[in-house]
N, C-alpha and C. Protein backbone atom coordinates (compact mmCIF):
# COMPACT_ATOMS: atom_id res chain seq x y z
N ILE A 1 63.42 116.77 126.59
CA ILE A 1 63.78 117.97 127.31
C ILE A 1 63.83 117.71 128.87
N GLY A 2 62.89 116.92 129.26
CA GLY A 2 62.70 116.51 130.68
C GLY A 2 63.95 115.77 131.15
N ASN A 3 64.47 114.81 130.35
CA ASN A 3 65.62 114.09 130.61
C ASN A 3 66.92 114.94 130.59
N THR A 4 66.93 115.87 129.74
CA THR A 4 68.16 116.88 129.74
C THR A 4 68.18 117.58 131.01
N PHE A 5 67.01 118.10 131.45
CA PHE A 5 66.95 118.80 132.74
C PHE A 5 67.42 117.88 133.87
N HIS A 6 66.93 116.66 133.81
CA HIS A 6 67.29 115.69 134.85
C HIS A 6 68.81 115.40 134.84
N ASN A 7 69.41 115.35 133.68
CA ASN A 7 70.86 115.13 133.56
C ASN A 7 71.60 116.40 134.07
N PHE A 8 71.05 117.59 133.84
CA PHE A 8 71.63 118.79 134.24
C PHE A 8 71.75 118.79 135.73
N VAL A 9 70.59 118.38 136.42
CA VAL A 9 70.53 118.31 137.82
C VAL A 9 71.53 117.31 138.38
N ASP A 10 71.70 116.20 137.74
CA ASP A 10 72.60 115.21 138.15
C ASP A 10 74.04 115.77 138.13
N GLY A 11 74.34 116.55 137.12
CA GLY A 11 75.64 117.16 137.18
C GLY A 11 75.87 118.10 138.32
N ILE A 12 74.83 118.83 138.67
CA ILE A 12 74.95 119.68 139.82
C ILE A 12 75.15 118.90 141.10
N LEU A 13 74.41 117.81 141.27
CA LEU A 13 74.58 116.92 142.48
C LEU A 13 75.96 116.38 142.51
N ILE A 14 76.50 115.94 141.39
CA ILE A 14 77.82 115.42 141.50
C ILE A 14 78.84 116.57 141.91
N ALA A 15 78.75 117.70 141.26
CA ALA A 15 79.64 118.72 141.70
C ALA A 15 79.60 119.11 143.14
N ALA A 16 78.29 119.15 143.66
CA ALA A 16 78.07 119.62 145.10
C ALA A 16 78.70 118.43 145.92
N ALA A 17 78.49 117.17 145.59
CA ALA A 17 79.12 116.14 146.44
C ALA A 17 80.66 116.25 146.31
N PHE A 18 81.23 116.49 145.23
CA PHE A 18 82.66 116.60 145.28
C PHE A 18 83.16 117.84 146.08
N LEU A 19 82.33 118.89 146.04
CA LEU A 19 82.77 120.05 146.87
C LEU A 19 82.71 119.77 148.39
N ALA A 20 81.76 118.86 148.73
CA ALA A 20 81.64 118.50 150.15
C ALA A 20 82.74 117.55 150.62
N ASP A 21 83.12 116.65 149.69
CA ASP A 21 84.04 115.65 150.08
C ASP A 21 84.45 114.83 148.74
N VAL A 22 85.64 114.52 148.46
CA VAL A 22 85.97 113.76 147.23
C VAL A 22 85.39 112.35 147.30
N ARG A 23 85.46 111.73 148.46
CA ARG A 23 84.99 110.35 148.60
C ARG A 23 83.41 110.38 148.36
N LEU A 24 82.77 111.38 148.88
CA LEU A 24 81.28 111.54 148.72
C LEU A 24 80.98 111.79 147.24
N GLY A 25 81.90 112.60 146.59
CA GLY A 25 81.65 112.77 145.10
C GLY A 25 81.76 111.49 144.33
N ILE A 26 82.78 110.72 144.69
CA ILE A 26 83.02 109.35 143.95
C ILE A 26 81.73 108.52 144.18
N VAL A 27 81.36 108.36 145.39
CA VAL A 27 80.11 107.51 145.64
C VAL A 27 78.91 108.01 144.92
N THR A 28 78.77 109.38 144.98
CA THR A 28 77.61 110.00 144.31
C THR A 28 77.70 109.69 142.83
N SER A 29 78.87 109.90 142.26
CA SER A 29 78.99 109.69 140.77
C SER A 29 78.65 108.17 140.47
N LEU A 30 79.13 107.28 141.26
CA LEU A 30 78.84 105.86 141.02
C LEU A 30 77.36 105.56 141.00
N ALA A 31 76.67 106.20 142.04
CA ALA A 31 75.27 106.02 142.22
C ALA A 31 74.47 106.54 141.03
N ILE A 32 74.86 107.73 140.58
CA ILE A 32 74.18 108.32 139.48
C ILE A 32 74.46 107.57 138.17
N PHE A 33 75.77 107.12 138.13
CA PHE A 33 76.09 106.29 136.87
C PHE A 33 75.27 104.98 136.90
N ALA A 34 75.12 104.31 137.99
CA ALA A 34 74.25 103.08 138.05
C ALA A 34 72.83 103.40 137.73
N HIS A 35 72.40 104.58 138.07
CA HIS A 35 70.96 104.91 137.80
C HIS A 35 70.76 105.35 136.34
N GLU A 36 71.70 105.96 135.80
CA GLU A 36 71.61 106.57 134.50
C GLU A 36 71.75 105.51 133.32
N ILE A 37 72.51 104.49 133.62
CA ILE A 37 72.70 103.47 132.44
C ILE A 37 71.33 102.92 132.05
N PRO A 38 70.47 102.28 132.95
CA PRO A 38 69.22 101.78 132.54
C PRO A 38 68.37 102.78 132.04
N GLN A 39 68.43 103.98 132.57
CA GLN A 39 67.44 105.08 132.14
C GLN A 39 67.82 105.51 130.73
N GLU A 40 69.05 105.62 130.48
CA GLU A 40 69.45 106.00 129.04
C GLU A 40 69.18 104.96 128.01
N VAL A 41 69.37 103.71 128.41
CA VAL A 41 68.94 102.62 127.54
C VAL A 41 67.50 102.63 127.27
N GLY A 42 66.70 102.83 128.27
CA GLY A 42 65.22 103.00 128.12
C GLY A 42 64.81 104.16 127.27
N ASP A 43 65.50 105.25 127.43
CA ASP A 43 65.25 106.46 126.63
C ASP A 43 65.57 106.15 125.17
N PHE A 44 66.68 105.39 124.89
CA PHE A 44 67.06 105.13 123.56
C PHE A 44 66.01 104.18 122.86
N VAL A 45 65.48 103.19 123.67
CA VAL A 45 64.34 102.35 123.17
C VAL A 45 63.15 103.10 122.88
N ILE A 46 62.83 104.03 123.74
CA ILE A 46 61.59 104.91 123.56
C ILE A 46 61.75 105.72 122.24
N LEU A 47 62.94 106.40 122.01
CA LEU A 47 63.18 107.09 120.85
C LEU A 47 63.09 106.19 119.63
N LEU A 48 63.59 105.01 119.62
CA LEU A 48 63.45 104.06 118.51
C LEU A 48 61.99 103.78 118.22
N HIS A 49 61.22 103.40 119.20
CA HIS A 49 59.88 103.12 119.10
C HIS A 49 59.05 104.31 118.71
N SER A 50 59.55 105.47 118.92
CA SER A 50 58.84 106.79 118.43
C SER A 50 59.18 107.06 116.98
N GLY A 51 59.86 106.32 116.33
CA GLY A 51 60.22 106.44 114.93
C GLY A 51 61.57 107.00 114.56
N TYR A 52 62.41 107.30 115.58
CA TYR A 52 63.80 107.86 115.25
C TYR A 52 64.63 106.68 114.84
N THR A 53 65.57 106.98 113.98
CA THR A 53 66.52 106.01 113.54
C THR A 53 67.62 105.77 114.70
N ARG A 54 68.31 104.78 114.57
CA ARG A 54 69.33 104.45 115.66
C ARG A 54 70.30 105.64 115.79
N ARG A 55 70.70 106.12 114.64
CA ARG A 55 71.67 107.29 114.64
C ARG A 55 70.96 108.46 115.37
N GLN A 56 69.72 108.79 115.03
CA GLN A 56 69.05 109.96 115.65
C GLN A 56 68.87 109.78 117.11
N ALA A 57 68.46 108.50 117.46
CA ALA A 57 68.25 108.25 118.86
C ALA A 57 69.49 108.38 119.76
N LEU A 58 70.67 107.86 119.13
CA LEU A 58 71.92 107.96 119.80
C LEU A 58 72.34 109.43 119.91
N ALA A 59 72.11 110.19 118.94
CA ALA A 59 72.43 111.60 118.89
C ALA A 59 71.74 112.37 119.93
N PHE A 60 70.43 112.19 119.99
CA PHE A 60 69.57 112.86 121.10
C PHE A 60 69.94 112.39 122.34
N ASN A 61 70.28 111.12 122.63
CA ASN A 61 70.78 110.64 123.92
C ASN A 61 72.04 111.36 124.39
N LEU A 62 73.01 111.39 123.32
CA LEU A 62 74.30 111.96 123.71
C LEU A 62 74.06 113.43 123.98
N LEU A 63 73.34 114.10 123.17
CA LEU A 63 73.09 115.61 123.42
C LEU A 63 72.42 115.78 124.80
N SER A 64 71.49 114.97 125.13
CA SER A 64 70.82 115.10 126.43
C SER A 64 71.83 114.85 127.58
N SER A 65 72.65 113.82 127.40
CA SER A 65 73.74 113.45 128.38
C SER A 65 74.74 114.55 128.61
N THR A 66 75.00 115.35 127.66
CA THR A 66 76.08 116.40 127.80
C THR A 66 75.61 117.44 128.87
N ALA A 67 74.34 117.47 129.05
CA ALA A 67 73.76 118.35 130.14
C ALA A 67 74.34 118.03 131.51
N THR A 68 74.66 116.77 131.73
CA THR A 68 75.31 116.37 133.01
C THR A 68 76.65 117.13 133.20
N LEU A 69 77.43 117.10 132.11
CA LEU A 69 78.73 117.74 132.20
C LEU A 69 78.60 119.22 132.32
N LEU A 70 77.63 119.82 131.62
CA LEU A 70 77.40 121.27 131.70
C LEU A 70 76.95 121.64 133.14
N GLY A 71 76.00 120.93 133.68
CA GLY A 71 75.55 121.13 135.04
C GLY A 71 76.68 120.94 136.07
N GLY A 72 77.43 119.92 135.85
CA GLY A 72 78.59 119.82 136.79
C GLY A 72 79.57 120.88 136.76
N VAL A 73 79.98 121.31 135.58
CA VAL A 73 80.97 122.45 135.44
C VAL A 73 80.41 123.75 135.91
N LEU A 74 79.22 124.01 135.61
CA LEU A 74 78.58 125.22 136.02
C LEU A 74 78.47 125.23 137.56
N ALA A 75 77.94 124.15 138.17
CA ALA A 75 77.77 124.10 139.58
C ALA A 75 79.08 124.13 140.36
N TYR A 76 80.18 123.44 139.80
CA TYR A 76 81.47 123.46 140.44
C TYR A 76 82.02 124.92 140.51
N SER A 77 81.98 125.58 139.37
CA SER A 77 82.50 126.92 139.32
C SER A 77 81.66 127.87 140.12
N THR A 78 80.34 127.69 140.17
CA THR A 78 79.49 128.55 141.00
C THR A 78 79.48 128.29 142.48
N LEU A 79 79.33 126.95 142.75
CA LEU A 79 79.19 126.63 144.20
C LEU A 79 80.57 126.76 144.93
N HIS A 80 81.70 126.73 144.15
CA HIS A 80 82.89 126.82 144.76
C HIS A 80 83.14 128.11 145.49
N THR A 81 82.46 129.12 145.05
CA THR A 81 82.46 130.47 145.72
C THR A 81 81.32 130.58 146.66
N MET A 82 80.38 129.66 146.72
CA MET A 82 79.27 129.74 147.61
C MET A 82 79.13 128.43 148.37
N GLN A 83 80.18 128.08 149.22
CA GLN A 83 80.19 126.86 149.94
C GLN A 83 79.00 126.74 150.84
N GLN A 84 78.32 127.74 151.25
CA GLN A 84 77.23 127.69 152.19
C GLN A 84 75.97 126.99 151.44
N MET A 85 75.96 126.98 150.16
CA MET A 85 74.90 126.39 149.34
C MET A 85 75.00 124.90 149.16
N VAL A 86 76.13 124.34 149.40
CA VAL A 86 76.33 122.95 149.15
C VAL A 86 75.52 122.12 150.06
N PRO A 87 75.44 122.18 151.34
CA PRO A 87 74.52 121.34 152.10
C PRO A 87 73.06 121.45 151.80
N PRO A 88 72.51 122.67 151.55
CA PRO A 88 71.05 122.67 151.17
C PRO A 88 70.82 121.96 149.74
N ILE A 89 71.82 122.16 148.75
CA ILE A 89 71.58 121.48 147.52
C ILE A 89 71.66 119.89 147.76
N LEU A 90 72.49 119.46 148.58
CA LEU A 90 72.55 117.99 148.82
C LEU A 90 71.39 117.50 149.50
N GLY A 91 70.83 118.36 150.46
CA GLY A 91 69.52 118.06 151.15
C GLY A 91 68.33 118.00 150.15
N LEU A 92 68.43 118.96 149.26
CA LEU A 92 67.32 118.98 148.20
C LEU A 92 67.34 117.74 147.38
N ALA A 93 68.55 117.28 146.97
CA ALA A 93 68.74 116.11 146.13
C ALA A 93 68.17 114.82 146.99
N VAL A 94 68.52 114.79 148.23
CA VAL A 94 68.01 113.62 148.99
C VAL A 94 66.49 113.63 149.14
N ALA A 95 66.01 114.87 149.40
CA ALA A 95 64.49 115.01 149.44
C ALA A 95 63.87 114.65 148.09
N SER A 96 64.52 114.98 146.99
CA SER A 96 63.80 114.63 145.68
C SER A 96 63.89 113.12 145.46
N MET A 97 64.98 112.45 145.86
CA MET A 97 65.14 111.05 145.69
C MET A 97 64.09 110.26 146.55
N LEU A 98 63.91 110.79 147.78
CA LEU A 98 62.83 110.19 148.69
C LEU A 98 61.49 110.36 148.14
N TYR A 99 61.20 111.53 147.56
CA TYR A 99 59.88 111.75 146.97
C TYR A 99 59.58 110.71 145.77
N VAL A 100 60.65 110.56 144.99
CA VAL A 100 60.43 109.69 143.79
C VAL A 100 60.09 108.29 144.41
N ALA A 101 60.87 107.82 145.42
CA ALA A 101 60.69 106.52 146.02
C ALA A 101 59.24 106.43 146.57
N VAL A 102 58.79 107.41 147.27
CA VAL A 102 57.47 107.33 147.96
C VAL A 102 56.35 107.51 146.98
N ALA A 103 56.44 108.49 146.07
CA ALA A 103 55.37 108.77 145.12
C ALA A 103 55.26 107.88 143.93
N ASP A 104 56.37 107.36 143.48
CA ASP A 104 56.36 106.49 142.27
C ASP A 104 56.64 105.02 142.48
N LEU A 105 57.62 104.75 143.33
CA LEU A 105 58.12 103.28 143.38
C LEU A 105 57.20 102.50 144.44
N ILE A 106 56.91 103.02 145.52
CA ILE A 106 56.09 102.24 146.55
C ILE A 106 54.64 101.95 146.07
N PRO A 107 54.02 102.82 145.43
CA PRO A 107 52.67 102.35 144.88
C PRO A 107 52.81 101.28 143.81
N GLY A 108 53.89 101.28 143.08
CA GLY A 108 54.05 100.26 142.09
C GLY A 108 54.35 98.91 142.86
N LEU A 109 54.92 98.86 143.91
CA LEU A 109 55.17 97.63 144.71
C LEU A 109 53.84 96.96 145.20
N HIS A 110 52.77 97.77 145.43
CA HIS A 110 51.57 97.25 145.91
C HIS A 110 50.66 96.70 144.71
N ARG A 111 51.06 96.99 143.56
CA ARG A 111 50.30 96.48 142.41
C ARG A 111 50.55 94.97 142.19
N ARG A 112 51.61 94.49 142.73
CA ARG A 112 51.99 93.00 142.46
C ARG A 112 52.10 92.31 143.87
N PRO A 113 50.94 91.90 144.48
CA PRO A 113 51.03 91.38 145.80
C PRO A 113 51.34 89.87 145.93
N GLU A 114 51.53 89.08 144.67
CA GLU A 114 51.81 87.69 144.77
C GLU A 114 53.10 87.42 145.40
N LEU A 115 53.26 86.27 146.07
CA LEU A 115 54.45 85.91 146.80
C LEU A 115 55.75 86.06 146.00
N HIS A 116 55.80 85.59 144.81
CA HIS A 116 56.97 85.73 144.05
C HIS A 116 57.48 87.08 143.85
N ALA A 117 56.57 88.05 143.52
CA ALA A 117 56.80 89.42 143.43
C ALA A 117 57.24 90.07 144.67
N THR A 118 56.58 89.71 145.73
CA THR A 118 56.84 90.29 147.12
C THR A 118 58.30 89.86 147.38
N LEU A 119 58.81 88.50 147.23
CA LEU A 119 60.06 88.14 147.54
C LEU A 119 61.08 88.86 146.72
N GLN A 120 60.72 89.04 145.43
CA GLN A 120 61.66 89.79 144.54
C GLN A 120 61.85 91.34 145.06
N GLN A 121 60.74 91.92 145.40
CA GLN A 121 60.78 93.21 145.99
C GLN A 121 61.68 93.28 147.28
N VAL A 122 61.52 92.32 148.13
CA VAL A 122 62.25 92.27 149.46
C VAL A 122 63.76 92.10 149.01
N LEU A 123 64.11 91.22 148.10
CA LEU A 123 65.41 91.04 147.68
C LEU A 123 66.08 92.36 147.04
N LEU A 124 65.28 93.10 146.22
CA LEU A 124 65.85 94.29 145.66
C LEU A 124 65.98 95.29 146.69
N ILE A 125 64.99 95.47 147.50
CA ILE A 125 65.14 96.49 148.71
C ILE A 125 66.32 96.18 149.54
N THR A 126 66.61 94.89 149.86
CA THR A 126 67.76 94.53 150.56
C THR A 126 69.06 94.84 149.88
N LEU A 127 69.08 94.66 148.57
CA LEU A 127 70.29 94.99 147.76
C LEU A 127 70.42 96.50 147.77
N GLY A 128 69.38 97.21 147.74
CA GLY A 128 69.49 98.65 147.82
C GLY A 128 70.11 99.18 149.10
N ILE A 129 69.68 98.54 150.24
CA ILE A 129 70.12 98.90 151.60
C ILE A 129 71.57 98.57 151.64
N GLY A 130 71.82 97.41 151.10
CA GLY A 130 73.27 96.83 151.01
C GLY A 130 74.19 97.79 150.25
N SER A 131 73.77 98.30 149.18
CA SER A 131 74.62 99.16 148.40
C SER A 131 74.82 100.53 149.16
N ILE A 132 73.80 100.94 149.91
CA ILE A 132 73.99 102.22 150.81
C ILE A 132 75.09 101.91 151.91
N TRP A 133 74.86 100.76 152.46
CA TRP A 133 75.88 100.36 153.47
C TRP A 133 77.31 100.28 152.89
N LEU A 134 77.41 99.63 151.67
CA LEU A 134 78.69 99.60 151.05
C LEU A 134 79.28 101.06 150.71
N ALA A 135 78.43 101.81 150.20
CA ALA A 135 78.84 103.20 149.90
C ALA A 135 79.24 103.90 151.17
N ARG A 136 78.62 103.73 152.25
CA ARG A 136 78.98 104.33 153.53
C ARG A 136 80.34 103.79 154.00
N SER A 137 80.53 102.46 153.83
CA SER A 137 81.74 101.88 154.23
C SER A 137 82.99 102.41 153.34
N ILE A 138 82.72 102.63 152.10
CA ILE A 138 83.80 103.09 151.25
C ILE A 138 84.16 104.60 151.47
N SER A 139 83.05 105.38 151.58
CA SER A 139 83.23 106.84 151.75
C SER A 139 83.57 107.34 153.08
N GLY A 140 83.17 106.53 154.08
CA GLY A 140 83.39 106.95 155.43
C GLY A 140 82.40 107.92 155.91
N HIS A 141 81.32 108.14 155.17
CA HIS A 141 80.23 109.11 155.40
C HIS A 141 78.95 108.41 155.69
N PHE A 142 78.04 109.06 156.27
CA PHE A 142 76.69 108.57 156.26
C PHE A 142 76.00 109.07 154.98
N VAL A 143 75.84 108.12 154.02
CA VAL A 143 75.28 108.48 152.77
C VAL A 143 73.86 108.38 152.74
């Protein structure tokens, strides 16, 4: 249920980004796609380990993923008539992603202080910054 709601919100974010600018919508879609693939694989494995068959796990994952489409269509049709809501929704999306980074990811970084783990973290953070720079270069926006 939580993942379905998360996917629904992803659909809203994609629609809001496309309403703001097509290039921003493409970059946002790619970022969400890159984020969702490992998450959905993880969800599939969790369902398998919880006793679901492969067919059941795949069906639940697909059902949950359709919420992205539903959220996108609903938001596009609704926000299209309420353009003034697009910037606050995009701001809320940014704020929620920053919250996740600060509340969940950063404390996890401090649990592994050894040099190898620190270098790995620095490399991954650098790749993250690089992907933001690349997205900005492609879209022409400050992403």
